[in-house]
């Protein structure tokens, strides 16, 4: 097997598809040949990759002949329809959708946490939900040192989580608002400019939790391999183009201090501490955008817990990078060569 795999990107015209290409290029990921795949309406258009103009092909079940790695970011329905064909053709699928995340036969991987699961794949590896990744990269090293019993988190999620169309709608609706012009929402159900709202996924009528919140709960338990961890989540969409933020409070089995958390996170892979109380400077989307690391700050004792077992903090990460494309490319970098034969 060549050390330069043939790579296919399904959903190449989307926001994450563009980041797949940029991330592979930036990290020097070896590619013998790139196949650019999208819907029929994009077929015939071109993209640039390493000085070569590549014609976009329509995604079909026959698209994966000779492909070693198939990067999917085209929605759950597309992944469910075409991933089996990619696997049958011999490709390893790295899927950014929710289609296979809770399948017990599919590894759900954040390389900083459970890279060893990659070798267990049966053709498909799932990338977790972006909100889960943002929280779990900094929580995992703490959990290893002092088991986390309970997590309460609130998300401030950027338009990038909804894709390129939602990002464009935020730009256009903001421009219209500032110009005093009416704007009818198209890509998203609520007015977006200067507004925030509960995450735009379906609400479970019984629990009151939306689908995004349920994903975070279930995926955390699968990745941490801990069904007993208690998790409460509130997911909110905010008028930020890219990079999610989260306010997190966690309770550990044993007492834990700010100093403990700082010491643990200062050595944690994929984490950068941004925590300047004197200057009131903490993680912000504007700083996290374009960065690989999860920014962590506002590390402080949870004053509501007199037992000393709880810490609160604030985090931010680029949803298109660590929350999606970067995590997928990191997985691809760790694939055993034999898995790509």
C-alpha atoms as a PDB file:
ATOM      1  CA  UNK A   1       0.000   0.000   0.000  1.00  0.00           C
ATOM      2  CA  UNK A   2       1.297   3.417  -0.956  1.00  0.00           C
ATOM      3  CA  UNK A   3       1.688   5.929   1.832  1.00  0.00           C
ATOM      4  CA  UNK A   4      -0.324   8.272  -0.386  1.00  0.00           C
ATOM      5  CA  UNK A   5      -3.971   7.147  -0.286  1.00  0.00           C
ATOM      6  CA  UNK A   6      -6.664   7.987  -2.789  1.00  0.00           C
ATOM      7  CA  UNK A   7      -9.094  10.255  -0.918  1.00  0.00           C
ATOM      8  CA  UNK A   8     -12.716  11.026  -1.767  1.00  0.00           C
ATOM      9  CA  UNK A   9     -14.642  13.904  -0.207  1.00  0.00           C
ATOM     10  CA  UNK A  10     -18.417  13.496  -0.227  1.00  0.00           C
ATOM     11  CA  UNK A  11     -19.928  16.933   0.259  1.00  0.00           C
ATOM     12  CA  UNK A  12     -16.912  18.797  -1.091  1.00  0.00           C
ATOM     13  CA  UNK A  13     -18.856  22.012  -1.798  1.00  0.00           C
ATOM     14  CA  UNK A  14     -20.032  22.466   1.800  1.00  0.00           C
ATOM     15  CA  UNK A  15     -18.357  24.400   4.607  1.00  0.00           C
ATOM     16  CA  UNK A  16     -16.768  21.280   6.114  1.00  0.00           C
ATOM     17  CA  UNK A  17     -15.801  19.987   2.657  1.00  0.00           C
ATOM     18  CA  UNK A  18     -13.770  23.130   2.073  1.00  0.00           C
ATOM     19  CA  UNK A  19     -12.116  22.681   5.461  1.00  0.00           C
ATOM     20  CA  UNK A  20     -11.221  19.058   4.623  1.00  0.00           C
ATOM     21  CA  UNK A  21      -9.190  20.353   1.690  1.00  0.00           C
ATOM     22  CA  UNK A  22      -7.600  23.234   3.602  1.00  0.00           C
ATOM     23  CA  UNK A  23      -6.747  21.030   6.591  1.00  0.00           C
ATOM     24  CA  UNK A  24      -5.171  18.287   4.480  1.00  0.00           C
ATOM     25  CA  UNK A  25      -3.079  20.899   2.722  1.00  0.00           C
ATOM     26  CA  UNK A  26      -2.036  22.687   5.916  1.00  0.00           C
ATOM     27  CA  UNK A  27      -1.057  19.468   7.681  1.00  0.00           C
ATOM     28  CA  UNK A  28       0.689  18.011   4.645  1.00  0.00           C
ATOM     29  CA  UNK A  29      -1.622  15.003   4.553  1.00  0.00           C
ATOM     30  CA  UNK A  30      -0.407  12.764   1.703  1.00  0.00           C
ATOM     31  CA  UNK A  31      -2.897  12.317  -1.129  1.00  0.00           C
ATOM     32  CA  UNK A  32      -2.157  10.392  -4.323  1.00  0.00           C
ATOM     33  CA  UNK A  33      -5.439  11.433  -5.890  1.00  0.00           C
ATOM     34  CA  UNK A  34      -8.431  13.456  -4.700  1.00  0.00           C
ATOM     35  CA  UNK A  35     -11.986  12.688  -5.825  1.00  0.00           C
ATOM     36  CA  UNK A  36     -14.366  15.596  -5.300  1.00  0.00           C
ATOM     37  CA  UNK A  37     -17.960  14.419  -4.876  1.00  0.00           C
ATOM     38  CA  UNK A  38     -21.183  16.381  -4.461  1.00  0.00           C
ATOM     39  CA  UNK A  39     -24.786  16.468  -5.622  1.00  0.00           C
ATOM     40  CA  UNK A  40     -25.745  16.490  -9.285  1.00  0.00           C
ATOM     41  CA  UNK A  41     -26.209  20.273  -9.264  1.00  0.00           C
ATOM     42  CA  UNK A  42     -22.507  20.769  -8.484  1.00  0.00           C
ATOM     43  CA  UNK A  43     -21.199  18.164 -10.928  1.00  0.00           C
ATOM     44  CA  UNK A  44     -18.925  19.696 -13.556  1.00  0.00           C
ATOM     45  CA  UNK A  45     -17.784  22.568 -11.361  1.00  0.00           C
ATOM     46  CA  UNK A  46     -14.157  22.616 -10.257  1.00  0.00           C
ATOM     47  CA  UNK A  47     -12.110  23.041  -7.101  1.00  0.00           C
ATOM     48  CA  UNK A  48      -8.388  23.696  -6.666  1.00  0.00           C
ATOM     49  CA  UNK A  49      -6.207  21.264  -4.740  1.00  0.00           C
ATOM     50  CA  UNK A  50      -2.424  21.591  -4.560  1.00  0.00           C
ATOM     51  CA  UNK A  51      -2.132  23.351  -7.883  1.00  0.00           C
ATOM     52  CA  UNK A  52      -4.496  21.011  -9.690  1.00  0.00           C
ATOM     53  CA  UNK A  53      -7.991  21.814 -10.896  1.00  0.00           C
ATOM     54  CA  UNK A  54     -10.288  18.938  -9.977  1.00  0.00           C
ATOM     55  CA  UNK A  55     -13.682  18.440 -11.585  1.00  0.00           C
ATOM     56  CA  UNK A  56     -16.491  17.717  -9.133  1.00  0.00           C
ATOM     57  CA  UNK A  57     -18.311  14.452  -9.829  1.00  0.00           C
ATOM     58  CA  UNK A  58     -21.849  13.508  -8.878  1.00  0.00           C
ATOM     59  CA  UNK A  59     -21.903  11.321  -5.768  1.00  0.00           C
ATOM     60  CA  UNK A  60     -23.199   7.865  -6.657  1.00  0.00           C
ATOM     61  CA  UNK A  61     -22.770   4.356  -5.322  1.00  0.00           C
ATOM     62  CA  UNK A  62     -20.102   3.827  -8.016  1.00  0.00           C
ATOM     63  CA  UNK A  63     -17.969   6.785  -6.921  1.00  0.00           C
ATOM     64  CA  UNK A  64     -15.609   4.869  -4.628  1.00  0.00           C
ATOM     65  CA  UNK A  65     -13.753   2.440  -6.870  1.00  0.00           C
ATOM     66  CA  UNK A  66     -10.059   2.656  -5.988  1.00  0.00           C
ATOM     67  CA  UNK A  67     -10.701   4.984  -3.031  1.00  0.00           C
ATOM     68  CA  UNK A  68      -8.799   4.320   0.212  1.00  0.00           C
ATOM     69  CA  UNK A  69     -10.364   6.975   2.479  1.00  0.00           C
ATOM     70  CA  UNK A  70     -13.816   8.523   2.045  1.00  0.00           C
ATOM     71  CA  UNK A  71     -14.459  11.679   4.046  1.00  0.00           C
ATOM     72  CA  UNK A  72     -18.200  12.303   4.392  1.00  0.00           C
ATOM     73  CA  UNK A  73     -19.826  15.590   5.328  1.00  0.00           C
ATOM     74  CA  UNK A  74     -23.059  15.655   3.379  1.00  0.00           C
ATOM     75  CA  UNK A  75     -25.719  14.900   6.007  1.00  0.00           C
ATOM     76  CA  UNK A  76     -26.932  11.767   7.713  1.00  0.00           C
ATOM     77  CA  UNK A  77     -29.204  10.627   4.908  1.00  0.00           C
ATOM     78  CA  UNK A  78     -26.397  10.812   2.365  1.00  0.00           C
ATOM     79  CA  UNK A  79     -24.033   8.966   4.693  1.00  0.00           C
ATOM     80  CA  UNK A  80     -26.526   6.171   5.291  1.00  0.00           C
ATOM     81  CA  UNK A  81     -27.171   5.830   1.568  1.00  0.00           C
ATOM     82  CA  UNK A  82     -23.610   5.895   0.216  1.00  0.00           C
ATOM     83  CA  UNK A  83     -21.282   4.793   3.031  1.00  0.00           C
ATOM     84  CA  UNK A  84     -22.072   1.074   2.588  1.00  0.00           C
ATOM     85  CA  UNK A  85     -21.088   1.348  -1.089  1.00  0.00           C
ATOM     86  CA  UNK A  86     -17.825   3.046  -0.134  1.00  0.00           C
ATOM     87  CA  UNK A  87     -17.012   0.327   2.392  1.00  0.00           C
ATOM     88  CA  UNK A  88     -17.914  -2.399  -0.121  1.00  0.00           C
ATOM     89  CA  UNK A  89     -15.491  -0.808  -2.588  1.00  0.00           C
ATOM     90  CA  UNK A  90     -12.725  -1.058   0.014  1.00  0.00           C
ATOM     91  CA  UNK A  91     -12.663   2.478   1.414  1.00  0.00           C
ATOM     92  CA  UNK A  92     -12.533   3.468   5.062  1.00  0.00           C
ATOM     93  CA  UNK A  93     -15.338   5.956   5.696  1.00  0.00           C
ATOM     94  CA  UNK A  94     -14.767   8.804   8.161  1.00  0.00           C
ATOM     95  CA  UNK A  95     -18.211  10.279   8.652  1.00  0.00           C
ATOM     96  CA  UNK A  96     -19.066  13.680  10.102  1.00  0.00           C
ATOM     97  CA  UNK A  97     -22.812  13.096  10.277  1.00  0.00           C
ATOM     98  CA  UNK A  98     -24.846  11.592  13.121  1.00  0.00           C
ATOM     99  CA  UNK A  99     -25.791   8.562  10.994  1.00  0.00           C
ATOM    100  CA  UNK A 100     -23.585   5.960  12.687  1.00  0.00           C
ATOM    101  CA  UNK A 101     -22.424   7.586  15.914  1.00  0.00           C
ATOM    102  CA  UNK A 102     -24.476   5.428  18.261  1.00  0.00           C
ATOM    103  CA  UNK A 103     -24.030   2.206  16.290  1.00  0.00           C
ATOM    104  CA  UNK A 104     -22.209  -0.134  18.701  1.00  0.00           C
ATOM    105  CA  UNK A 105     -20.137  -1.473  15.788  1.00  0.00           C
ATOM    106  CA  UNK A 106     -18.870   1.968  14.755  1.00  0.00           C
ATOM    107  CA  UNK A 107     -16.057   3.678  16.693  1.00  0.00           C
ATOM    108  CA  UNK A 108     -16.883   7.233  17.777  1.00  0.00           C
ATOM    109  CA  UNK A 109     -13.480   8.859  17.919  1.00  0.00           C
ATOM    110  CA  UNK A 110     -11.787  11.943  19.291  1.00  0.00           C
ATOM    111  CA  UNK A 111      -8.078  11.144  18.783  1.00  0.00           C
ATOM    112  CA  UNK A 112      -6.998  12.940  21.964  1.00  0.00           C
ATOM    113  CA  UNK A 113      -9.315  10.631  23.922  1.00  0.00           C
ATOM    114  CA  UNK A 114      -9.788   7.227  22.295  1.00  0.00           C
ATOM    115  CA  UNK A 115      -7.531   6.914  19.253  1.00  0.00           C
ATOM    116  CA  UNK A 116      -7.154   3.214  20.021  1.00  0.00           C
ATOM    117  CA  UNK A 117     -10.729   2.648  18.872  1.00  0.00           C
ATOM    118  CA  UNK A 118      -9.719   3.460  15.297  1.00  0.00           C
ATOM    119  CA  UNK A 119      -8.262  -0.036  14.834  1.00  0.00           C
ATOM    120  CA  UNK A 120     -11.613  -1.588  15.730  1.00  0.00           C
ATOM    121  CA  UNK A 121     -13.448  -0.128  12.752  1.00  0.00           C
ATOM    122  CA  UNK A 122     -15.377  -2.321  10.336  1.00  0.00           C
ATOM    123  CA  UNK A 123     -15.219   0.190   7.524  1.00  0.00           C
ATOM    124  CA  UNK A 124     -16.806   3.247   9.157  1.00  0.00           C
ATOM    125  CA  UNK A 125     -15.475   5.621  11.818  1.00  0.00           C
ATOM    126  CA  UNK A 126     -17.693   8.406  13.174  1.00  0.00           C
ATOM    127  CA  UNK A 127     -16.697  11.940  14.117  1.00  0.00           C
ATOM    128  CA  UNK A 128     -18.673  13.079  17.187  1.00  0.00           C
ATOM    129  CA  UNK A 129     -21.024  16.030  17.384  1.00  0.00           C
ATOM    130  CA  UNK A 130     -19.136  19.334  17.361  1.00  0.00           C
ATOM    131  CA  UNK A 131     -20.540  20.410  20.738  1.00  0.00           C
ATOM    132  CA  UNK A 132     -19.475  17.117  22.288  1.00  0.00           C
ATOM    133  CA  UNK A 133     -15.944  17.456  20.901  1.00  0.00           C
ATOM    134  CA  UNK A 134     -15.629  21.020  22.201  1.00  0.00           C
ATOM    135  CA  UNK A 135     -16.531  19.924  25.732  1.00  0.00           C
ATOM    136  CA  UNK A 136     -14.849  16.531  25.867  1.00  0.00           C
ATOM    137  CA  UNK A 137     -11.339  17.437  24.698  1.00  0.00           C
ATOM    138  CA  UNK A 138     -10.722  19.446  27.911  1.00  0.00           C
ATOM    139  CA  UNK A 139     -12.950  17.301  30.160  1.00  0.00           C
ATOM    140  CA  UNK A 140     -11.272  13.989  29.317  1.00  0.00           C
ATOM    141  CA  UNK A 141      -7.860  14.630  30.952  1.00  0.00           C
ATOM    142  CA  UNK A 142      -9.676  15.808  34.076  1.00  0.00           C
ATOM    143  CA  UNK A 143     -11.920  12.739  34.000  1.00  0.00           C
ATOM    144  CA  UNK A 144      -8.852  10.486  33.801  1.00  0.00           C
ATOM    145  CA  UNK A 145      -7.305  12.142  36.853  1.00  0.00           C
ATOM    146  CA  UNK A 146     -10.482  12.491  38.933  1.00  0.00           C
ATOM    147  CA  UNK A 147     -13.630  10.860  37.553  1.00  0.00           C
ATOM    148  CA  UNK A 148     -16.312  13.346  36.557  1.00  0.00           C
ATOM    149  CA  UNK A 149     -19.694  12.356  37.981  1.00  0.00           C
ATOM    150  CA  UNK A 150     -21.832  15.139  36.583  1.00  0.00           C
ATOM    151  CA  UNK A 151     -21.656  17.789  33.870  1.00  0.00           C
ATOM    152  CA  UNK A 152     -23.928  20.777  33.279  1.00  0.00           C
ATOM    153  CA  UNK A 153     -23.195  22.706  30.109  1.00  0.00           C
ATOM    154  CA  UNK A 154     -24.733  25.428  27.985  1.00  0.00           C
ATOM    155  CA  UNK A 155     -23.633  25.958  24.403  1.00  0.00           C
ATOM    156  CA  UNK A 156     -23.337  29.131  22.349  1.00  0.00           C
ATOM    157  CA  UNK A 157     -23.242  27.636  18.865  1.00  0.00           C
ATOM    158  CA  UNK A 158     -22.118  29.428  15.730  1.00  0.00           C
ATOM    159  CA  UNK A 159     -23.789  29.498  12.334  1.00  0.00           C
ATOM    160  CA  UNK A 160     -21.044  27.229  10.957  1.00  0.00           C
ATOM    161  CA  UNK A 161     -22.722  24.297  12.700  1.00  0.00           C
ATOM    162  CA  UNK A 162     -25.614  24.680  10.266  1.00  0.00           C
ATOM    163  CA  UNK A 163     -23.402  24.756   7.178  1.00  0.00           C
ATOM    164  CA  UNK A 164     -22.530  27.293   4.520  1.00  0.00           C
ATOM    165  CA  UNK A 165     -26.148  28.300   3.839  1.00  0.00           C
ATOM    166  CA  UNK A 166     -26.763  29.229   7.484  1.00  0.00           C
ATOM    167  CA  UNK A 167     -23.493  31.173   7.636  1.00  0.00           C
ATOM    168  CA  UNK A 168     -24.527  33.092   4.521  1.00  0.00           C
ATOM    169  CA  UNK A 169     -27.960  33.778   5.991  1.00  0.00           C
ATOM    170  CA  UNK A 170     -26.382  35.292   9.094  1.00  0.00           C
ATOM    171  CA  UNK A 171     -24.303  37.619   6.915  1.00  0.00           C
ATOM    172  CA  UNK A 172     -27.219  38.600   4.662  1.00  0.00           C
ATOM    173  CA  UNK A 173     -29.752  39.041   7.462  1.00  0.00           C
ATOM    174  CA  UNK A 174     -27.309  41.177   9.453  1.00  0.00           C
ATOM    175  CA  UNK A 175     -26.651  43.379   6.445  1.00  0.00           C
ATOM    176  CA  UNK A 176     -30.396  43.735   5.869  1.00  0.00           C
ATOM    177  CA  UNK A 177     -31.003  44.563   9.546  1.00  0.00           C
ATOM    178  CA  UNK A 178     -28.335  47.289   9.508  1.00  0.00           C
ATOM    179  CA  UNK A 179     -29.744  48.696   6.260  1.00  0.00           C
ATOM    180  CA  UNK A 180     -33.264  48.723   7.705  1.00  0.00           C
ATOM    181  CA  UNK A 181     -34.493  46.253   5.066  1.00  0.00           C
ATOM    182  CA  UNK A 182     -36.850  43.327   5.741  1.00  0.00           C
ATOM    183  CA  UNK A 183     -35.361  39.839   5.544  1.00  0.00           C
ATOM    184  CA  UNK A 184     -37.312  36.593   5.429  1.00  0.00           C
ATOM    185  CA  UNK A 185     -35.437  33.627   6.974  1.00  0.00           C
ATOM    186  CA  UNK A 186     -34.794  30.804   4.521  1.00  0.00           C
ATOM    187  CA  UNK A 187     -32.044  28.511   5.783  1.00  0.00           C
ATOM    188  CA  UNK A 188     -33.131  28.725   9.388  1.00  0.00           C
ATOM    189  CA  UNK A 189     -36.551  29.165  10.997  1.00  0.00           C
ATOM    190  CA  UNK A 190     -35.919  32.235  13.174  1.00  0.00           C
ATOM    191  CA  UNK A 191     -34.537  35.718  12.498  1.00  0.00           C
ATOM    192  CA  UNK A 192     -30.782  35.369  12.979  1.00  0.00           C
ATOM    193  CA  UNK A 193     -29.348  38.884  12.997  1.00  0.00           C
ATOM    194  CA  UNK A 194     -28.898  40.189  16.560  1.00  0.00           C
ATOM    195  CA  UNK A 195     -30.860  37.228  17.901  1.00  0.00           C
ATOM    196  CA  UNK A 196     -30.295  33.872  19.557  1.00  0.00           C
ATOM    197  CA  UNK A 197     -32.577  30.880  19.902  1.00  0.00           C
ATOM    198  CA  UNK A 198     -32.801  27.277  21.015  1.00  0.00           C
ATOM    199  CA  UNK A 199     -30.781  25.043  18.714  1.00  0.00           C
ATOM    200  CA  UNK A 200     -32.706  24.437  15.494  1.00  0.00           C
ATOM    201  CA  UNK A 201     -33.194  20.685  15.873  1.00  0.00           C
ATOM    202  CA  UNK A 202     -36.369  18.811  16.755  1.00  0.00           C
ATOM    203  CA  UNK A 203     -37.592  18.925  20.358  1.00  0.00           C
ATOM    204  CA  UNK A 204     -38.498  15.659  22.045  1.00  0.00           C
ATOM    205  CA  UNK A 205     -42.041  16.331  23.344  1.00  0.00           C
ATOM    206  CA  UNK A 206     -41.489  14.054  26.335  1.00  0.00           C
ATOM    207  CA  UNK A 207     -38.127  15.248  27.641  1.00  0.00           C
ATOM    208  CA  UNK A 208     -38.132  18.788  26.243  1.00  0.00           C
ATOM    209  CA  UNK A 209     -34.569  18.259  25.015  1.00  0.00           C
ATOM    210  CA  UNK A 210     -33.667  19.039  21.423  1.00  0.00           C
ATOM    211  CA  UNK A 211     -31.786  16.589  19.231  1.00  0.00           C
ATOM    212  CA  UNK A 212     -28.471  18.405  19.622  1.00  0.00           C
ATOM    213  CA  UNK A 213     -28.678  18.125  23.404  1.00  0.00           C
ATOM    214  CA  UNK A 214     -29.534  14.437  23.249  1.00  0.00           C
ATOM    215  CA  UNK A 215     -26.544  13.824  20.973  1.00  0.00           C
ATOM    216  CA  UNK A 216     -24.169  15.416  23.476  1.00  0.00           C
ATOM    217  CA  UNK A 217     -25.517  13.266  26.314  1.00  0.00           C
ATOM    218  CA  UNK A 218     -25.386   9.965  24.440  1.00  0.00           C
ATOM    219  CA  UNK A 219     -22.074  10.595  22.706  1.00  0.00           C
ATOM    220  CA  UNK A 220     -20.334  11.656  25.917  1.00  0.00           C
ATOM    221  CA  UNK A 221     -21.302   8.387  27.566  1.00  0.00           C
ATOM    222  CA  UNK A 222     -20.122   6.359  24.584  1.00  0.00           C
ATOM    223  CA  UNK A 223     -16.775   8.140  24.226  1.00  0.00           C
ATOM    224  CA  UNK A 224     -16.047   8.146  27.964  1.00  0.00           C
ATOM    225  CA  UNK A 225     -17.349   4.566  28.199  1.00  0.00           C
ATOM    226  CA  UNK A 226     -19.307   5.634  31.264  1.00  0.00           C
ATOM    227  CA  UNK A 227     -23.079   5.184  31.211  1.00  0.00           C
ATOM    228  CA  UNK A 228     -23.407   6.557  34.740  1.00  0.00           C
ATOM    229  CA  UNK A 229     -22.104  10.056  34.069  1.00  0.00           C
ATOM    230  CA  UNK A 230     -24.947  12.569  34.646  1.00  0.00           C
ATOM    231  CA  UNK A 231     -25.257  15.225  31.952  1.00  0.00           C
ATOM    232  CA  UNK A 232     -27.517  18.249  31.572  1.00  0.00           C
ATOM    233  CA  UNK A 233     -27.286  20.283  28.356  1.00  0.00           C
ATOM    234  CA  UNK A 234     -28.854  23.432  26.900  1.00  0.00           C
ATOM    235  CA  UNK A 235     -27.908  24.123  23.266  1.00  0.00           C
ATOM    236  CA  UNK A 236     -28.410  27.616  21.833  1.00  0.00           C
ATOM    237  CA  UNK A 237     -27.633  29.075  18.410  1.00  0.00           C
ATOM    238  CA  UNK A 238     -25.973  32.523  18.559  1.00  0.00           C
ATOM    239  CA  UNK A 239     -25.183  35.098  15.828  1.00  0.00           C
ATOM    240  CA  UNK A 240     -21.495  34.168  15.462  1.00  0.00           C
ATOM    241  CA  UNK A 241     -20.140  32.948  12.105  1.00  0.00           C
ATOM    242  CA  UNK A 242     -17.825  30.189  13.335  1.00  0.00           C
ATOM    243  CA  UNK A 243     -16.442  28.749  16.583  1.00  0.00           C
ATOM    244  CA  UNK A 244     -18.707  27.407  19.314  1.00  0.00           C
ATOM    245  CA  UNK A 245     -18.505  28.393  22.978  1.00  0.00           C
ATOM    246  CA  UNK A 246     -19.661  26.449  26.024  1.00  0.00           C
ATOM    247  CA  UNK A 247     -20.104  27.212  29.707  1.00  0.00           C
ATOM    248  CA  UNK A 248     -19.289  24.013  31.610  1.00  0.00           C
ATOM    249  CA  UNK A 249     -19.632  23.063  35.260  1.00  0.00           C
ATOM    250  CA  UNK A 250     -18.482  19.594  36.289  1.00  0.00           C
ATOM    251  CA  UNK A 251     -18.483  17.645  39.544  1.00  0.00           C
ATOM    252  CA  UNK A 252     -15.745  15.122  40.331  1.00  0.00           C
ATOM    253  CA  UNK A 253     -15.756  12.119  42.641  1.00  0.00           C
ATOM    254  CA  UNK A 254     -12.979  13.630  44.760  1.00  0.00           C
ATOM    255  CA  UNK A 255     -12.288  17.259  45.703  1.00  0.00           C
ATOM    256  CA  UNK A 256     -10.631  19.285  42.949  1.00  0.00           C
ATOM    257  CA  UNK A 257      -9.145  22.786  42.840  1.00  0.00           C
ATOM    258  CA  UNK A 258      -8.501  25.438  40.210  1.00  0.00           C
ATOM    259  CA  UNK A 259      -4.799  24.659  40.498  1.00  0.00           C
ATOM    260  CA  UNK A 260      -5.483  20.971  39.840  1.00  0.00           C
ATOM    261  CA  UNK A 261      -7.435  21.780  36.685  1.00  0.00           C
ATOM    262  CA  UNK A 262      -4.825  24.222  35.404  1.00  0.00           C
ATOM    263  CA  UNK A 263      -2.042  21.714  35.966  1.00  0.00           C
ATOM    264  CA  UNK A 264      -3.953  18.971  34.161  1.00  0.00           C
ATOM    265  CA  UNK A 265      -5.006  21.130  31.206  1.00  0.00           C
ATOM    266  CA  UNK A 266      -1.578  22.726  30.782  1.00  0.00           C
ATOM    267  CA  UNK A 267      -0.317  19.305  29.649  1.00  0.00           C
ATOM    268  CA  UNK A 268      -3.444  18.172  27.776  1.00  0.00           C
ATOM    269  CA  UNK A 269      -3.240  17.644  23.989  1.00  0.00           C
ATOM    270  CA  UNK A 270      -5.503  19.848  21.904  1.00  0.00           C
ATOM    271  CA  UNK A 271      -6.065  22.359  24.714  1.00  0.00           C
ATOM    272  CA  UNK A 272      -4.838  25.941  25.157  1.00  0.00           C
ATOM    273  CA  UNK A 273      -5.483  27.834  28.381  1.00  0.00           C
ATOM    274  CA  UNK A 274      -6.691  31.417  27.832  1.00  0.00           C
ATOM    275  CA  UNK A 275      -7.446  32.706  31.308  1.00  0.00           C
ATOM    276  CA  UNK A 276      -6.358  36.259  32.185  1.00  0.00           C
ATOM    277  CA  UNK A 277      -8.502  37.574  35.028  1.00  0.00           C
ATOM    278  CA  UNK A 278      -6.617  40.852  35.294  1.00  0.00           C
ATOM    279  CA  UNK A 279      -7.405  41.745  31.683  1.00  0.00           C
ATOM    280  CA  UNK A 280     -10.807  40.001  31.643  1.00  0.00           C
ATOM    281  CA  UNK A 281      -9.531  38.010  28.676  1.00  0.00           C
ATOM    282  CA  UNK A 282     -10.992  34.562  28.173  1.00  0.00           C
ATOM    283  CA  UNK A 283     -11.911  32.243  25.249  1.00  0.00           C
ATOM    284  CA  UNK A 284     -13.759  33.999  22.441  1.00  0.00           C
ATOM    285  CA  UNK A 285     -14.968  32.821  19.019  1.00  0.00           C
ATOM    286  CA  UNK A 286     -12.881  35.483  17.309  1.00  0.00           C
ATOM    287  CA  UNK A 287      -9.739  33.901  18.771  1.00  0.00           C
ATOM    288  CA  UNK A 288     -10.811  30.274  18.382  1.00  0.00           C
ATOM    289  CA  UNK A 289     -11.681  30.696  14.687  1.00  0.00           C
ATOM    290  CA  UNK A 290      -8.979  29.132  12.550  1.00  0.00           C
ATOM    291  CA  UNK A 291      -7.306  27.493  15.561  1.00  0.00           C
ATOM    292  CA  UNK A 292      -6.837  23.756  16.085  1.00  0.00           C
ATOM    293  CA  UNK A 293      -6.926  23.841  19.890  1.00  0.00           C
ATOM    294  CA  UNK A 294      -9.896  24.108  22.225  1.00  0.00           C
ATOM    295  CA  UNK A 295      -9.445  27.343  24.198  1.00  0.00           C
ATOM    296  CA  UNK A 296     -10.211  27.004  27.923  1.00  0.00           C
ATOM    297  CA  UNK A 297     -10.590  29.744  30.517  1.00  0.00           C
ATOM    298  CA  UNK A 298     -12.688  31.183  33.356  1.00  0.00           C
ATOM    299  CA  UNK A 299     -11.449  28.238  35.431  1.00  0.00           C
ATOM    300  CA  UNK A 300     -12.926  28.762  38.867  1.00  0.00           C
ATOM    301  CA  UNK A 301     -14.435  27.012  41.851  1.00  0.00           C
ATOM    302  CA  UNK A 302     -18.168  26.380  41.574  1.00  0.00           C
ATOM    303  CA  UNK A 303     -19.413  28.415  44.523  1.00  0.00           C
ATOM    304  CA  UNK A 304     -22.691  26.506  44.606  1.00  0.00           C
ATOM    305  CA  UNK A 305     -20.845  23.352  45.685  1.00  0.00           C
ATOM    306  CA  UNK A 306     -19.434  23.779  49.206  1.00  0.00           C
ATOM    307  CA  UNK A 307     -17.899  20.289  49.082  1.00  0.00           C
ATOM    308  CA  UNK A 308     -15.127  21.440  46.723  1.00  0.00           C
ATOM    309  CA  UNK A 309     -15.864  18.782  44.115  1.00  0.00           C
ATOM    310  CA  UNK A 310     -16.962  21.131  41.312  1.00  0.00           C
ATOM    311  CA  UNK A 311     -15.306  23.503  38.852  1.00  0.00           C
ATOM    312  CA  UNK A 312     -16.758  25.906  36.282  1.00  0.00           C
ATOM    313  CA  UNK A 313     -15.020  26.952  33.070  1.00  0.00           C
ATOM    314  CA  UNK A 314     -15.656  28.458  29.644  1.00  0.00           C
ATOM    315  CA  UNK A 315     -14.401  26.986  26.360  1.00  0.00           C
ATOM    316  CA  UNK A 316     -14.351  27.844  22.665  1.00  0.00           C
ATOM    317  CA  UNK A 317     -13.380  25.849  19.585  1.00  0.00           C
ATOM    318  CA  UNK A 318     -13.626  26.208  15.820  1.00  0.00           C
ATOM    319  CA  UNK A 319     -16.620  24.094  14.845  1.00  0.00           C
ATOM    320  CA  UNK A 320     -15.400  23.612  11.285  1.00  0.00           C
ATOM    321  CA  UNK A 321     -11.938  22.496  12.424  1.00  0.00           C
ATOM    322  CA  UNK A 322     -11.709  20.533  15.678  1.00  0.00           C
ATOM    323  CA  UNK A 323     -15.485  20.166  15.654  1.00  0.00           C
ATOM    324  CA  UNK A 324     -15.475  18.541  12.211  1.00  0.00           C
ATOM    325  CA  UNK A 325     -12.759  18.568   9.521  1.00  0.00           C
ATOM    326  CA  UNK A 326      -9.657  18.563  11.718  1.00  0.00           C
ATOM    327  CA  UNK A 327     -10.945  15.728  13.878  1.00  0.00           C
ATOM    328  CA  UNK A 328     -11.632  13.681  10.733  1.00  0.00           C
ATOM    329  CA  UNK A 329      -8.179  14.327   9.265  1.00  0.00           C
ATOM    330  CA  UNK A 330      -6.559  13.442  12.598  1.00  0.00           C
ATOM    331  CA  UNK A 331      -8.375  10.106  12.410  1.00  0.00           C
ATOM    332  CA  UNK A 332      -7.201   9.597   8.826  1.00  0.00           C
ATOM    333  CA  UNK A 333      -3.611  10.283   9.889  1.00  0.00           C
ATOM    334  CA  UNK A 334      -3.869   7.488  12.465  1.00  0.00           C
ATOM    335  CA  UNK A 335      -5.380   4.862  10.175  1.00  0.00           C
ATOM    336  CA  UNK A 336      -3.207   1.741  10.039  1.00  0.00           C
ATOM    337  CA  UNK A 337      -1.761   1.266   6.576  1.00  0.00           C
ATOM    338  CA  UNK A 338      -3.299  -2.192   6.388  1.00  0.00           C
ATOM    339  CA  UNK A 339      -6.730  -0.630   6.842  1.00  0.00           C
ATOM    340  CA  UNK A 340      -6.272   1.332   3.611  1.00  0.00           C
ATOM    341  CA  UNK A 341      -5.173  -1.536   1.381  1.00  0.00           C
END
